[in-house]
C-alpha atoms as a PDB file:
ATOM      1  CA  UNK A   1      17.374  -3.026 -10.016  1.00  0.00           C
ATOM      2  CA  UNK A   2      14.959  -1.837  -7.354  1.00  0.00           C
ATOM      3  CA  UNK A   3      15.995  -0.528  -3.953  1.00  0.00           C
ATOM      4  CA  UNK A   4      13.606  -0.261  -0.989  1.00  0.00           C
ATOM      5  CA  UNK A   5      14.347   2.124   1.859  1.00  0.00           C
ATOM      6  CA  UNK A   6      12.473   3.494   4.859  1.00  0.00           C
ATOM      7  CA  UNK A   7      10.617   6.734   4.159  1.00  0.00           C
ATOM      8  CA  UNK A   8      11.691  10.075   5.588  1.00  0.00           C
ATOM      9  CA  UNK A   9       9.585  13.205   6.216  1.00  0.00           C
ATOM     10  CA  UNK A  10      10.979  14.996   3.146  1.00  0.00           C
ATOM     11  CA  UNK A  11       9.721  12.160   0.889  1.00  0.00           C
ATOM     12  CA  UNK A  12       6.144  13.412   1.157  1.00  0.00           C
ATOM     13  CA  UNK A  13       6.714  16.057  -1.499  1.00  0.00           C
ATOM     14  CA  UNK A  14       7.562  13.629  -4.310  1.00  0.00           C
ATOM     15  CA  UNK A  15       5.125  10.991  -2.986  1.00  0.00           C
ATOM     16  CA  UNK A  16       2.238  13.451  -3.197  1.00  0.00           C
ATOM     17  CA  UNK A  17       3.137  14.099  -6.851  1.00  0.00           C
ATOM     18  CA  UNK A  18       3.157  10.366  -7.613  1.00  0.00           C
ATOM     19  CA  UNK A  19      -0.108   9.958  -5.685  1.00  0.00           C
ATOM     20  CA  UNK A  20      -1.774  12.637  -7.826  1.00  0.00           C
ATOM     21  CA  UNK A  21      -0.592  10.884 -10.998  1.00  0.00           C
ATOM     22  CA  UNK A  22      -2.734   7.936  -9.845  1.00  0.00           C
ATOM     23  CA  UNK A  23      -5.853  10.160  -9.576  1.00  0.00           C
ATOM     24  CA  UNK A  24      -8.600   9.523 -10.660  1.00  0.00           C
ATOM     25  CA  UNK A  25      -7.973   5.923 -11.739  1.00  0.00           C
ATOM     26  CA  UNK A  26      -6.840   4.488  -8.395  1.00  0.00           C
ATOM     27  CA  UNK A  27      -7.480   7.257  -5.863  1.00  0.00           C
ATOM     28  CA  UNK A  28      -9.733  10.226  -5.345  1.00  0.00           C
ATOM     29  CA  UNK A  29      -7.909  13.543  -4.899  1.00  0.00           C
ATOM     30  CA  UNK A  30      -9.558  13.935  -1.464  1.00  0.00           C
ATOM     31  CA  UNK A  31      -7.654  10.868  -0.246  1.00  0.00           C
ATOM     32  CA  UNK A  32      -4.376  12.780  -0.403  1.00  0.00           C
ATOM     33  CA  UNK A  33      -5.291  14.414   2.932  1.00  0.00           C
ATOM     34  CA  UNK A  34      -5.760  10.950   4.489  1.00  0.00           C
ATOM     35  CA  UNK A  35      -2.394   9.841   3.129  1.00  0.00           C
ATOM     36  CA  UNK A  36      -0.771  12.975   4.555  1.00  0.00           C
ATOM     37  CA  UNK A  37      -2.224  12.221   8.015  1.00  0.00           C
ATOM     38  CA  UNK A  38      -0.927   8.657   7.812  1.00  0.00           C
ATOM     39  CA  UNK A  39       2.474   9.777   6.559  1.00  0.00           C
ATOM     40  CA  UNK A  40       2.877  12.381   9.301  1.00  0.00           C
ATOM     41  CA  UNK A  41       1.884   9.935  12.031  1.00  0.00           C
ATOM     42  CA  UNK A  42       3.935   7.400  13.935  1.00  0.00           C
ATOM     43  CA  UNK A  43       3.617   5.055  10.934  1.00  0.00           C
ATOM     44  CA  UNK A  44       6.519   6.663   9.080  1.00  0.00           C
ATOM     45  CA  UNK A  45       8.940   3.938  10.198  1.00  0.00           C
ATOM     46  CA  UNK A  46       6.713   1.338   8.498  1.00  0.00           C
ATOM     47  CA  UNK A  47       6.408   3.163   5.170  1.00  0.00           C
ATOM     48  CA  UNK A  48       8.870   2.441   2.400  1.00  0.00           C
ATOM     49  CA  UNK A  49      10.095   4.092  -0.776  1.00  0.00           C
ATOM     50  CA  UNK A  50      10.974   2.078  -3.847  1.00  0.00           C
ATOM     51  CA  UNK A  51      13.597   3.355  -6.252  1.00  0.00           C
ATOM     52  CA  UNK A  52      14.261   2.112  -9.769  1.00  0.00           C
ATOM     53  CA  UNK A  53      17.380   3.123 -11.663  1.00  0.00           C
ATOM     54  CA  UNK A  54      18.123   5.775  -9.033  1.00  0.00           C
ATOM     55  CA  UNK A  55      14.662   7.361  -9.259  1.00  0.00           C
ATOM     56  CA  UNK A  56      12.026   7.323  -6.510  1.00  0.00           C
ATOM     57  CA  UNK A  57       8.963   5.795  -8.156  1.00  0.00           C
ATOM     58  CA  UNK A  58       6.549   4.856  -5.391  1.00  0.00           C
ATOM     59  CA  UNK A  59       5.799   3.888  -1.851  1.00  0.00           C
ATOM     60  CA  UNK A  60       3.870   1.543   0.357  1.00  0.00           C
ATOM     61  CA  UNK A  61       3.695   0.497   3.946  1.00  0.00           C
ATOM     62  CA  UNK A  62       1.743  -1.047   6.753  1.00  0.00           C
ATOM     63  CA  UNK A  63       0.062  -0.064   9.984  1.00  0.00           C
ATOM     64  CA  UNK A  64      -0.996  -2.100  12.978  1.00  0.00           C
ATOM     65  CA  UNK A  65      -4.738  -2.220  13.568  1.00  0.00           C
ATOM     66  CA  UNK A  66      -4.158  -4.036  16.867  1.00  0.00           C
ATOM     67  CA  UNK A  67      -1.632  -6.482  18.357  1.00  0.00           C
ATOM     68  CA  UNK A  68      -2.787  -9.336  16.062  1.00  0.00           C
ATOM     69  CA  UNK A  69      -3.657  -7.454  12.868  1.00  0.00           C
ATOM     70  CA  UNK A  70      -1.645  -5.323  10.460  1.00  0.00           C
ATOM     71  CA  UNK A  71      -2.806  -3.678   7.251  1.00  0.00           C
ATOM     72  CA  UNK A  72      -0.916  -3.003   4.031  1.00  0.00           C
ATOM     73  CA  UNK A  73      -1.668   0.594   3.103  1.00  0.00           C
ATOM     74  CA  UNK A  74      -1.016   3.484   0.768  1.00  0.00           C
ATOM     75  CA  UNK A  75       0.704   1.490  -1.941  1.00  0.00           C
ATOM     76  CA  UNK A  76       1.167   3.402  -5.192  1.00  0.00           C
ATOM     77  CA  UNK A  77       3.662   3.511  -8.032  1.00  0.00           C
ATOM     78  CA  UNK A  78       4.332   6.140 -10.692  1.00  0.00           C
ATOM     79  CA  UNK A  79       2.110   5.177 -13.676  1.00  0.00           C
ATOM     80  CA  UNK A  80       5.129   4.971 -15.994  1.00  0.00           C
ATOM     81  CA  UNK A  81       6.435   2.146 -13.782  1.00  0.00           C
ATOM     82  CA  UNK A  82       3.237   0.095 -13.436  1.00  0.00           C
ATOM     83  CA  UNK A  83       3.557  -3.548 -14.441  1.00  0.00           C
ATOM     84  CA  UNK A  84       7.274  -3.836 -13.651  1.00  0.00           C
ATOM     85  CA  UNK A  85       6.882  -5.752 -10.381  1.00  0.00           C
ATOM     86  CA  UNK A  86       7.725  -2.806  -8.118  1.00  0.00           C
ATOM     87  CA  UNK A  87       4.426  -2.892  -6.230  1.00  0.00           C
ATOM     88  CA  UNK A  88       4.883  -6.614  -5.712  1.00  0.00           C
ATOM     89  CA  UNK A  89       8.348  -5.989  -4.265  1.00  0.00           C
ATOM     90  CA  UNK A  90       6.944  -3.407  -1.839  1.00  0.00           C
ATOM     91  CA  UNK A  91       4.117  -5.656  -0.646  1.00  0.00           C
ATOM     92  CA  UNK A  92       6.456  -8.625  -0.273  1.00  0.00           C
ATOM     93  CA  UNK A  93       8.875  -6.422   1.691  1.00  0.00           C
ATOM     94  CA  UNK A  94       6.106  -5.456   4.121  1.00  0.00           C
ATOM     95  CA  UNK A  95       4.770  -9.011   4.414  1.00  0.00           C
ATOM     96  CA  UNK A  96       8.248 -10.368   5.139  1.00  0.00           C
ATOM     97  CA  UNK A  97       8.709  -7.865   7.981  1.00  0.00           C
ATOM     98  CA  UNK A  98       5.241  -8.576   9.375  1.00  0.00           C
ATOM     99  CA  UNK A  99       5.712 -12.358   9.296  1.00  0.00           C
ATOM    100  CA  UNK A 100       8.570 -11.897  11.778  1.00  0.00           C
ATOM    101  CA  UNK A 101       6.106 -10.528  14.339  1.00  0.00           C
ATOM    102  CA  UNK A 102       5.087 -13.699  16.185  1.00  0.00           C
ATOM    103  CA  UNK A 103       2.074 -11.984  17.804  1.00  0.00           C
ATOM    104  CA  UNK A 104       0.553 -11.143  14.425  1.00  0.00           C
ATOM    105  CA  UNK A 105      -2.121 -13.479  13.075  1.00  0.00           C
ATOM    106  CA  UNK A 106      -3.455 -11.636  10.023  1.00  0.00           C
ATOM    107  CA  UNK A 107      -2.358  -9.137   7.377  1.00  0.00           C
ATOM    108  CA  UNK A 108      -5.186  -7.198   5.734  1.00  0.00           C
ATOM    109  CA  UNK A 109      -5.567  -4.908   2.768  1.00  0.00           C
ATOM    110  CA  UNK A 110      -8.453  -2.741   1.646  1.00  0.00           C
ATOM    111  CA  UNK A 111      -8.328  -2.399  -2.115  1.00  0.00           C
ATOM    112  CA  UNK A 112     -10.647  -1.945  -5.078  1.00  0.00           C
ATOM    113  CA  UNK A 113     -12.072  -3.809  -8.021  1.00  0.00           C
ATOM    114  CA  UNK A 114      -9.195  -2.325 -10.048  1.00  0.00           C
ATOM    115  CA  UNK A 115      -6.401  -3.908  -8.008  1.00  0.00           C
ATOM    116  CA  UNK A 116      -7.714  -6.911  -6.097  1.00  0.00           C
ATOM    117  CA  UNK A 117      -6.261  -9.371  -8.623  1.00  0.00           C
ATOM    118  CA  UNK A 118      -2.803  -7.938  -7.914  1.00  0.00           C
ATOM    119  CA  UNK A 119      -3.236  -8.861  -4.242  1.00  0.00           C
ATOM    120  CA  UNK A 120      -4.686 -12.281  -5.091  1.00  0.00           C
ATOM    121  CA  UNK A 121      -1.409 -13.080  -6.874  1.00  0.00           C
ATOM    122  CA  UNK A 122       0.341 -12.272  -3.587  1.00  0.00           C
ATOM    123  CA  UNK A 123      -1.824 -14.793  -1.669  1.00  0.00           C
ATOM    124  CA  UNK A 124      -4.388 -12.380  -0.216  1.00  0.00           C
ATOM    125  CA  UNK A 125      -7.898 -13.864  -0.096  1.00  0.00           C
ATOM    126  CA  UNK A 126     -11.142 -11.911  -0.482  1.00  0.00           C
ATOM    127  CA  UNK A 127     -13.107 -11.690   2.753  1.00  0.00           C
ATOM    128  CA  UNK A 128     -15.911  -9.463   1.477  1.00  0.00           C
ATOM    129  CA  UNK A 129     -16.822  -6.830  -1.122  1.00  0.00           C
ATOM    130  CA  UNK A 130     -18.727  -3.547  -0.571  1.00  0.00           C
ATOM    131  CA  UNK A 131     -20.159  -2.010  -3.716  1.00  0.00           C
ATOM    132  CA  UNK A 132     -19.555   1.678  -4.519  1.00  0.00           C
ATOM    133  CA  UNK A 133     -17.495   2.149  -1.354  1.00  0.00           C
ATOM    134  CA  UNK A 134     -14.636   4.413  -2.458  1.00  0.00           C
ATOM    135  CA  UNK A 135     -15.082   8.129  -3.285  1.00  0.00           C
ATOM    136  CA  UNK A 136     -14.828   7.362  -7.013  1.00  0.00           C
ATOM    137  CA  UNK A 137     -17.544   4.673  -6.619  1.00  0.00           C
ATOM    138  CA  UNK A 138     -15.168   1.737  -6.995  1.00  0.00           C
ATOM    139  CA  UNK A 139     -15.934  -1.336  -4.921  1.00  0.00           C
ATOM    140  CA  UNK A 140     -14.058  -2.145  -1.722  1.00  0.00           C
ATOM    141  CA  UNK A 141     -12.350  -5.529  -1.673  1.00  0.00           C
ATOM    142  CA  UNK A 142     -11.381  -6.448   1.871  1.00  0.00           C
ATOM    143  CA  UNK A 143      -8.653  -9.090   1.656  1.00  0.00           C
ATOM    144  CA  UNK A 144      -6.353 -10.867   4.076  1.00  0.00           C
ATOM    145  CA  UNK A 145      -3.605 -13.387   4.620  1.00  0.00           C
ATOM    146  CA  UNK A 146      -3.921 -15.592   7.700  1.00  0.00           C
ATOM    147  CA  UNK A 147      -0.543 -16.183   9.330  1.00  0.00           C
ATOM    148  CA  UNK A 148      -1.691 -18.917  11.730  1.00  0.00           C
END
């Protein structure tokens, strides 16, 4: 059984270890600094930890781009737990919270050619693709869900 809880400052230590386990396949090591800036910002209350069998195995959250737009961000799971539906639970948790915000009209995600199909299964639609965008030369898939 999976449990989702709001992140706390001390979670960064284990999250950074899980993040690095997803390098180089899903992230570039340089992106850890960007994640740290996000994590140490005011976004902490909208970042969540997922636990499986009492073990912290990943995280994911959202940030507001403006009053009408939010973005799913920094979603990653320990590689030993990929394919178990934990990432799906995190995204659905965030989407459920965001759908309660009546001012919001769109939820976005910036992802890659490696993971866009995951988001398609969760009803995100591709808006555009930028080739060789990410530091590891993966393509950017900009996707969204329209709420209105």
